[in-house]
Amino acid sequence: MTNRRTLLGLVGAAAMSLSLPIAAAAQEVTLTLHQFLPAQANVPKLILDVWADNVEKASEGRIKIDRYPSMQLGGKPPELMDQAIDGIADVVWTVVGYTPGRYPTTEVFELPFMMTNARAVSHAYWEMFEKHMKDDEFKDVHILGTWVHGPGMIHVNKEVKMPGDMAGLKVRGGSRSVNTLLEKLGATPVGMPVPAVTEGLSKGVIDGTTIPWEVTPSLKVPELVSNHTEFDGVSLYTLTFVLAMNKDRYESLPDDLKKVIDDNSGLEFSVFAGGTQADSDGPARQIAVDRGNNIVTVSGEEIEAWKAVAEPIYEEWIADMDARGKDGQALVDEARMLIEKYTPQYQ
């Protein structure tokens, strides 16, 4: 009898030991993170990897995030949002403007001279996302972060100081609002994702590009053009970004792992991301300075000439939003109010 009991006990213990890894494995999650920049670029290195590392650490190893830079899972940058919606990737980081007009409320922050401070605007963006976009334009994905980059500017193969200097130039624009601005400046907007800028400049497909300083080194922009136009105290434009997760994938997580994702996402992460991108502008600008490139700083009354060209873009955007059943003027007013409210906090 004793031997039989002992034998049954050993069999039971063995069965339990075999089942433990299975139970543990059921609680472990591997997520894919897909984006369009090289792994060594600022956003992957300083923002996305930080987010992923923090999630992995907070989950005590139960969440693993496999990172796929440079569109390694296939497709093109404008397809990233659909990849998140369809579950081709679990998490994506993308420029919202790669799908022009699809998420129009985000464009309120991309309007010319709206951006003051990347942290303040990212804060305002998250607040307006939760109020106006979460259950509307972004209802098909779970948004983890919303942010903007630092001051957008112009990098071209000739000196540009006044709006008329842009006439006839072929310039890459990163969003619908930027392309509209380029048209009004007399330039020809060329739509292309950021990774295509290097080849576009080297082959003469474009004469220049609109991007913030921080991404210029990874694209070799200071080597390919020698003229840069920035604006004193204001931003010509900015672009909106999202870190988006497949909704079903998020909902499938156990509550404690959802909390890990939540704790590392949202407002605080959005402000961190926007600020980190903006903080990278200075070192990148120095590369152009060290090369002896021509940096034009537009200031004072000269800025007013640029604003005058840009003003009709507000009217057109408001009319477009009204036609979509959204109060465009109210969105502009709310964005300006929130930006004014938060800018002193982050200066």
Protein backbone atom coordinates (compact mmCIF):
# COMPACT_ATOMS: atom_id res chain seq x y z
CA MET A 1 0.00 0.00 0.00
CA THR A 2 2.75 2.40 0.95
CA ASN A 3 4.66 1.70 -2.22
CA ARG A 4 1.50 2.23 -4.30
CA ARG A 5 0.80 5.56 -2.54
CA THR A 6 4.39 6.61 -2.99
CA LEU A 7 4.27 5.69 -6.65
CA LEU A 8 1.01 7.62 -7.19
CA GLY A 9 2.48 10.59 -5.35
CA LEU A 10 5.55 10.56 -7.54
CA VAL A 11 3.44 10.30 -10.69
CA GLY A 12 1.26 13.18 -9.50
CA ALA A 13 4.27 15.33 -8.65
CA ALA A 14 5.80 14.61 -12.03
CA ALA A 15 2.56 15.54 -13.77
CA MET A 16 2.37 18.78 -11.82
CA SER A 17 5.98 19.65 -12.61
CA LEU A 18 5.31 19.06 -16.29
CA SER A 19 2.24 21.29 -16.23
CA LEU A 20 3.96 24.21 -14.54
CA PRO A 21 5.94 25.41 -17.58
CA ILE A 22 2.77 25.16 -19.66
CA ALA A 23 0.84 27.33 -17.20
CA ALA A 24 3.70 29.80 -16.99
CA ALA A 25 4.06 29.92 -20.75
CA ALA A 26 0.36 30.74 -21.10
CA GLN A 27 0.99 33.93 -19.17
CA GLU A 28 3.93 35.04 -21.30
CA VAL A 29 3.41 37.39 -24.25
CA THR A 30 5.60 38.32 -27.20
CA LEU A 31 4.65 41.52 -29.01
CA THR A 32 5.99 42.77 -32.33
CA LEU A 33 6.88 46.45 -32.65
CA HIS A 34 7.13 47.68 -36.23
CA GLN A 35 8.31 51.07 -37.50
CA PHE A 36 9.99 52.73 -40.46
CA LEU A 37 13.28 54.20 -39.19
CA PRO A 38 16.64 52.42 -38.79
CA ALA A 39 17.21 51.02 -35.31
CA GLN A 40 19.98 53.55 -34.59
CA ALA A 41 17.82 56.62 -35.36
CA ASN A 42 16.77 58.83 -32.46
CA VAL A 43 13.14 57.76 -32.12
CA PRO A 44 13.79 54.01 -32.01
CA LYS A 45 16.89 54.39 -29.85
CA LEU A 46 15.73 57.08 -27.41
CA ILE A 47 11.95 56.55 -27.29
CA LEU A 48 10.66 53.24 -28.62
CA ASP A 49 13.42 51.11 -27.11
CA VAL A 50 13.01 52.91 -23.79
CA TRP A 51 9.27 52.21 -23.85
CA ALA A 52 9.79 48.56 -24.79
CA ASP A 53 12.54 48.03 -22.21
CA ASN A 54 10.38 49.59 -19.50
CA VAL A 55 7.42 47.36 -20.39
CA GLU A 56 9.60 44.25 -20.37
CA LYS A 57 11.13 45.18 -17.02
CA ALA A 58 7.82 46.10 -15.38
CA SER A 59 6.30 42.81 -16.54
CA GLU A 60 9.20 40.94 -14.92
CA GLY A 61 9.95 39.29 -18.22
CA ARG A 62 6.41 38.13 -18.96
CA ILE A 63 6.16 40.55 -21.89
CA LYS A 64 8.82 40.37 -24.58
CA ILE A 65 8.85 42.95 -27.34
CA ASP A 66 10.48 42.01 -30.63
CA ARG A 67 11.51 45.19 -32.48
CA TYR A 68 11.41 45.44 -36.26
CA PRO A 69 12.92 48.66 -37.65
CA SER A 70 13.03 49.85 -41.27
CA MET A 71 9.76 48.10 -42.24
CA GLN A 72 11.32 44.66 -41.72
CA LEU A 73 7.89 43.03 -41.43
CA GLY A 74 7.10 44.22 -44.93
CA GLY A 75 4.92 46.90 -46.44
CA LYS A 76 5.44 50.64 -46.70
CA PRO A 77 5.27 53.31 -43.96
CA PRO A 78 1.76 54.51 -44.97
CA GLU A 79 0.52 50.95 -44.32
CA LEU A 80 1.59 50.85 -40.67
CA MET A 81 -1.75 51.90 -39.19
CA ASP A 82 -3.54 49.18 -41.14
CA GLN A 83 -0.91 46.69 -39.99
CA ALA A 84 -1.83 47.54 -36.40
CA ILE A 85 -5.55 47.33 -37.13
CA ASP A 86 -5.22 44.02 -38.99
CA GLY A 87 -2.79 42.47 -36.50
CA ILE A 88 0.12 42.13 -38.91
CA ALA A 89 2.08 43.91 -36.16
CA ASP A 90 1.05 44.15 -32.54
CA VAL A 91 2.41 47.68 -32.06
CA VAL A 92 3.39 50.31 -34.63
CA TRP A 93 4.90 53.76 -34.50
CA THR A 94 3.99 56.02 -37.40
CA VAL A 95 3.49 59.51 -38.75
CA VAL A 96 -0.25 60.14 -38.76
CA GLY A 97 0.11 62.28 -41.89
CA TYR A 98 1.26 59.28 -43.92
CA THR A 99 -2.47 58.65 -44.44
CA PRO A 100 -3.65 62.19 -45.33
CA GLY A 101 -7.12 63.10 -44.12
CA ARG A 102 -7.76 59.76 -42.42
CA TYR A 103 -7.27 61.12 -38.89
CA PRO A 104 -8.10 64.79 -39.54
CA THR A 105 -8.48 66.00 -35.95
CA THR A 106 -4.78 65.39 -35.31
CA GLU A 107 -4.03 67.96 -38.03
CA VAL A 108 -5.02 70.82 -35.73
CA PHE A 109 -1.53 70.52 -34.21
CA GLU A 110 0.12 70.44 -37.64
CA LEU A 111 -1.27 73.79 -38.75
CA PRO A 112 1.46 76.35 -39.52
CA PHE A 113 2.88 78.17 -36.49
CA MET A 114 0.60 76.28 -34.08
CA MET A 115 3.47 74.44 -32.34
CA THR A 116 5.37 76.22 -29.55
CA ASN A 117 7.01 73.54 -27.43
CA ALA A 118 7.00 69.81 -28.20
CA ARG A 119 6.24 68.81 -24.62
CA ALA A 120 3.36 71.28 -24.27
CA VAL A 121 1.87 70.36 -27.64
CA SER A 122 2.22 66.62 -26.95
CA HIS A 123 0.39 67.19 -23.65
CA ALA A 124 -2.39 69.06 -25.44
CA TYR A 125 -2.51 66.40 -28.16
CA TRP A 126 -3.05 63.58 -25.63
CA GLU A 127 -5.77 65.56 -23.89
CA MET A 128 -7.61 66.26 -27.15
CA PHE A 129 -7.06 62.67 -28.29
CA GLU A 130 -8.88 61.36 -25.22
CA LYS A 131 -11.71 63.87 -25.65
CA HIS A 132 -12.22 63.92 -29.42
CA MET A 133 -10.35 61.09 -31.16
CA LYS A 134 -10.14 57.98 -28.97
CA ASP A 135 -13.66 56.72 -29.63
CA ASP A 136 -13.98 58.27 -33.07
CA GLU A 137 -11.10 58.41 -35.54
CA PHE A 138 -8.92 55.93 -33.58
CA LYS A 139 -11.65 53.56 -32.47
CA ASP A 140 -10.08 50.64 -34.39
CA VAL A 141 -6.76 50.70 -32.50
CA HIS A 142 -5.54 51.05 -28.94
CA ILE A 143 -3.42 54.21 -28.81
CA LEU A 144 -0.46 54.12 -26.42
CA GLY A 145 1.04 57.56 -27.09
CA THR A 146 0.46 60.75 -29.07
CA TRP A 147 3.19 63.30 -29.64
CA VAL A 148 4.81 65.83 -31.97
CA HIS A 149 8.40 66.57 -32.92
CA GLY A 150 10.34 69.78 -32.33
CA PRO A 151 10.19 72.80 -34.63
CA GLY A 152 9.71 71.83 -38.26
CA MET A 153 11.94 73.65 -40.73
CA ILE A 154 13.20 73.74 -44.30
CA HIS A 155 16.37 72.14 -45.70
CA VAL A 156 17.05 72.96 -49.37
CA ASN A 157 19.74 73.39 -52.01
CA LYS A 158 19.45 77.22 -52.08
CA GLU A 159 19.11 79.97 -49.48
CA VAL A 160 15.53 80.53 -48.35
CA LYS A 161 14.66 83.52 -46.19
CA MET A 162 11.38 84.93 -47.52
CA PRO A 163 8.31 83.03 -48.75
CA GLY A 164 9.06 83.92 -52.38
CA ASP A 165 12.38 82.07 -52.18
CA MET A 166 10.47 78.79 -52.17
CA ALA A 167 9.01 79.31 -55.65
CA GLY A 168 9.74 76.49 -58.06
CA LEU A 169 11.42 74.19 -55.53
CA LYS A 170 10.42 70.52 -55.27
CA VAL A 171 10.16 69.87 -51.55
CA ARG A 172 9.18 66.80 -49.61
CA GLY A 173 6.31 67.42 -47.20
CA GLY A 174 5.32 65.08 -44.40
CA SER A 175 1.60 65.76 -44.08
CA ARG A 176 -1.44 67.21 -45.79
CA SER A 177 -1.04 70.55 -43.97
CA VAL A 178 2.65 70.83 -44.84
CA ASN A 179 1.98 70.05 -48.49
CA THR A 180 -0.73 72.72 -48.59
CA LEU A 181 1.71 75.21 -47.09
CA LEU A 182 4.36 74.32 -49.67
CA GLU A 183 1.87 74.91 -52.47
CA LYS A 184 0.98 78.34 -51.12
CA LEU A 185 4.68 79.17 -50.94
CA GLY A 186 5.00 78.41 -54.65
CA ALA A 187 6.88 75.15 -54.16
CA THR A 188 5.91 71.76 -55.56
CA PRO A 189 5.14 69.38 -52.68
CA VAL A 190 6.43 65.85 -53.09
CA GLY A 191 4.93 63.20 -50.86
CA MET A 192 7.40 60.62 -49.60
CA PRO A 193 8.11 58.86 -46.29
CA VAL A 194 11.12 60.02 -44.31
CA PRO A 195 13.38 57.07 -45.26
CA ALA A 196 13.10 58.03 -48.94
CA VAL A 197 14.48 61.54 -48.39
CA THR A 198 18.14 60.56 -48.69
CA GLU A 199 17.72 58.97 -52.10
CA GLY A 200 15.34 61.73 -53.21
CA LEU A 201 17.94 64.41 -52.46
CA SER A 202 20.90 62.51 -53.86
CA LYS A 203 19.11 61.80 -57.16
CA GLY A 204 17.61 65.28 -57.49
CA VAL A 205 14.03 64.04 -57.25
CA ILE A 206 13.55 66.74 -54.61
CA ASP A 207 15.38 70.01 -53.99
CA GLY A 208 14.78 69.88 -50.27
CA THR A 209 12.71 68.57 -47.42
CA THR A 210 10.73 69.74 -44.40
CA ILE A 211 11.85 67.90 -41.27
CA PRO A 212 13.04 68.84 -37.77
CA TRP A 213 16.76 68.98 -37.02
CA GLU A 214 16.80 65.74 -35.02
CA VAL A 215 16.29 63.39 -37.94
CA THR A 216 18.71 65.12 -40.36
CA PRO A 217 21.88 63.17 -39.38
CA SER A 218 20.38 59.72 -40.00
CA LEU A 219 19.17 60.92 -43.43
CA LYS A 220 22.50 62.60 -44.29
CA VAL A 221 20.64 65.84 -45.00
CA PRO A 222 23.50 68.18 -43.95
CA GLU A 223 25.71 66.39 -46.49
CA LEU A 224 23.16 66.58 -49.31
CA VAL A 225 21.97 70.18 -48.92
CA SER A 226 23.84 73.11 -47.42
CA ASN A 227 20.99 75.54 -46.65
CA HIS A 228 18.67 75.33 -43.66
CA THR A 229 15.88 77.74 -42.70
CA GLU A 230 14.62 77.88 -39.13
CA PHE A 231 12.22 80.26 -37.38
CA ASP A 232 13.06 82.23 -34.24
CA GLY A 233 10.78 81.40 -31.33
CA VAL A 234 8.13 79.65 -33.43
CA SER A 235 7.75 76.50 -35.48
CA LEU A 236 6.84 76.58 -39.16
CA TYR A 237 5.00 73.31 -38.56
CA THR A 238 5.13 70.01 -36.71
CA LEU A 239 3.96 66.47 -37.41
CA THR A 240 1.80 64.23 -35.24
CA PHE A 241 2.81 60.70 -34.30
CA VAL A 242 1.05 57.78 -32.63
CA LEU A 243 2.22 54.60 -30.98
CA ALA A 244 -0.68 52.27 -31.73
CA MET A 245 -1.49 48.72 -30.64
CA ASN A 246 -3.79 46.14 -32.16
CA LYS A 247 -7.01 46.41 -30.16
CA ASP A 248 -7.73 42.68 -29.90
CA ARG A 249 -4.14 41.97 -28.87
CA TYR A 250 -4.39 44.50 -26.06
CA GLU A 251 -7.78 43.17 -24.93
CA SER A 252 -6.45 39.60 -24.90
CA LEU A 253 -3.85 40.41 -22.26
CA PRO A 254 -4.49 39.46 -18.64
CA ASP A 255 -5.42 42.46 -16.49
CA ASP A 256 -2.04 42.68 -14.78
CA LEU A 257 -0.22 42.85 -18.13
CA LYS A 258 -2.71 45.40 -19.44
CA LYS A 259 -1.78 47.48 -16.41
CA VAL A 260 1.92 47.19 -17.31
CA ILE A 261 1.16 48.55 -20.78
CA ASP A 262 -1.09 51.28 -19.37
CA ASP A 263 1.42 52.37 -16.74
CA ASN A 264 4.06 52.92 -19.40
CA SER A 265 1.80 54.67 -21.90
CA GLY A 266 -0.52 57.66 -22.01
CA LEU A 267 0.09 61.29 -21.11
CA GLU A 268 3.45 61.00 -19.34
CA PHE A 269 4.91 58.83 -22.08
CA SER A 270 3.59 61.19 -24.78
CA VAL A 271 5.23 64.21 -23.16
CA PHE A 272 8.47 62.25 -22.72
CA ALA A 273 8.45 61.20 -26.38
CA GLY A 274 7.79 64.67 -27.77
CA GLY A 275 10.36 66.24 -25.48
CA THR A 276 12.99 63.64 -26.27
CA GLN A 277 12.64 64.25 -30.00
CA ALA A 278 12.90 68.00 -29.50
CA ASP A 279 15.93 67.61 -27.22
CA SER A 280 17.73 65.85 -30.06
CA ASP A 281 17.44 68.92 -32.31
CA GLY A 282 20.45 70.74 -30.79
CA PRO A 283 23.11 68.05 -31.34
CA ALA A 284 21.81 67.45 -34.86
CA ARG A 285 21.91 71.16 -35.69
CA GLN A 286 25.53 71.29 -34.52
CA ILE A 287 26.48 68.80 -37.23
CA ALA A 288 25.31 71.29 -39.88
CA VAL A 289 27.14 74.10 -38.07
CA ASP A 290 30.37 72.09 -37.97
CA ARG A 291 30.09 71.45 -41.71
CA GLY A 292 29.86 75.18 -42.34
CA ASN A 293 26.36 74.96 -43.78
CA ASN A 294 24.30 78.13 -44.24
CA ILE A 295 21.67 78.39 -41.48
CA VAL A 296 19.08 81.14 -42.00
CA THR A 297 17.05 82.19 -38.99
CA VAL A 298 13.81 83.97 -39.89
CA SER A 299 12.79 86.46 -37.19
CA GLY A 300 10.71 89.56 -36.43
CA GLU A 301 8.70 91.05 -39.28
CA GLU A 302 10.03 88.42 -41.67
CA ILE A 303 8.02 85.79 -39.76
CA GLU A 304 4.85 87.82 -40.30
CA ALA A 305 5.31 87.48 -44.05
CA TRP A 306 5.35 83.70 -43.69
CA LYS A 307 2.32 83.75 -41.37
CA ALA A 308 0.38 85.82 -43.91
CA VAL A 309 0.93 83.12 -46.54
CA ALA A 310 -0.10 80.41 -44.07
CA GLU A 311 -3.27 82.07 -42.73
CA PRO A 312 -5.63 80.77 -45.47
CA ILE A 313 -4.66 77.21 -44.51
CA TYR A 314 -6.56 77.69 -41.24
CA GLU A 315 -9.69 78.80 -43.09
CA GLU A 316 -9.49 75.86 -45.49
CA TRP A 317 -8.87 73.35 -42.71
CA ILE A 318 -11.76 74.68 -40.62
CA ALA A 319 -14.08 74.48 -43.64
CA ASP A 320 -12.96 70.91 -44.32
CA MET A 321 -13.58 69.89 -40.71
CA ASP A 322 -17.00 71.56 -40.73
CA ALA A 323 -17.85 69.55 -43.85
CA ARG A 324 -16.92 66.39 -41.93
CA GLY A 325 -19.36 67.31 -39.17
CA LYS A 326 -16.67 68.57 -36.78
CA ASP A 327 -16.43 72.12 -35.41
CA GLY A 328 -13.11 73.16 -36.91
CA GLN A 329 -12.91 76.57 -35.27
CA ALA A 330 -13.67 75.08 -31.85
CA LEU A 331 -10.85 72.56 -32.33
CA VAL A 332 -8.39 75.32 -33.29
CA ASP A 333 -9.47 77.39 -30.28
CA GLU A 334 -9.18 74.44 -27.91
CA ALA A 335 -5.74 73.47 -29.22
CA ARG A 336 -4.47 77.03 -28.85
CA MET A 337 -5.91 77.29 -25.35
CA LEU A 338 -4.29 74.04 -24.20
CA ILE A 339 -0.95 74.88 -25.79
CA GLU A 340 -0.97 78.29 -24.11
CA LYS A 341 -1.91 76.61 -20.84
CA TYR A 342 0.88 74.01 -20.90
CA THR A 343 3.73 75.86 -22.61
CA PRO A 344 4.89 77.70 -19.43
CA GLN A 345 4.96 74.35 -17.61
CA TYR A 346 7.56 72.94 -20.00
CA GLN A 347 9.76 75.95 -20.72
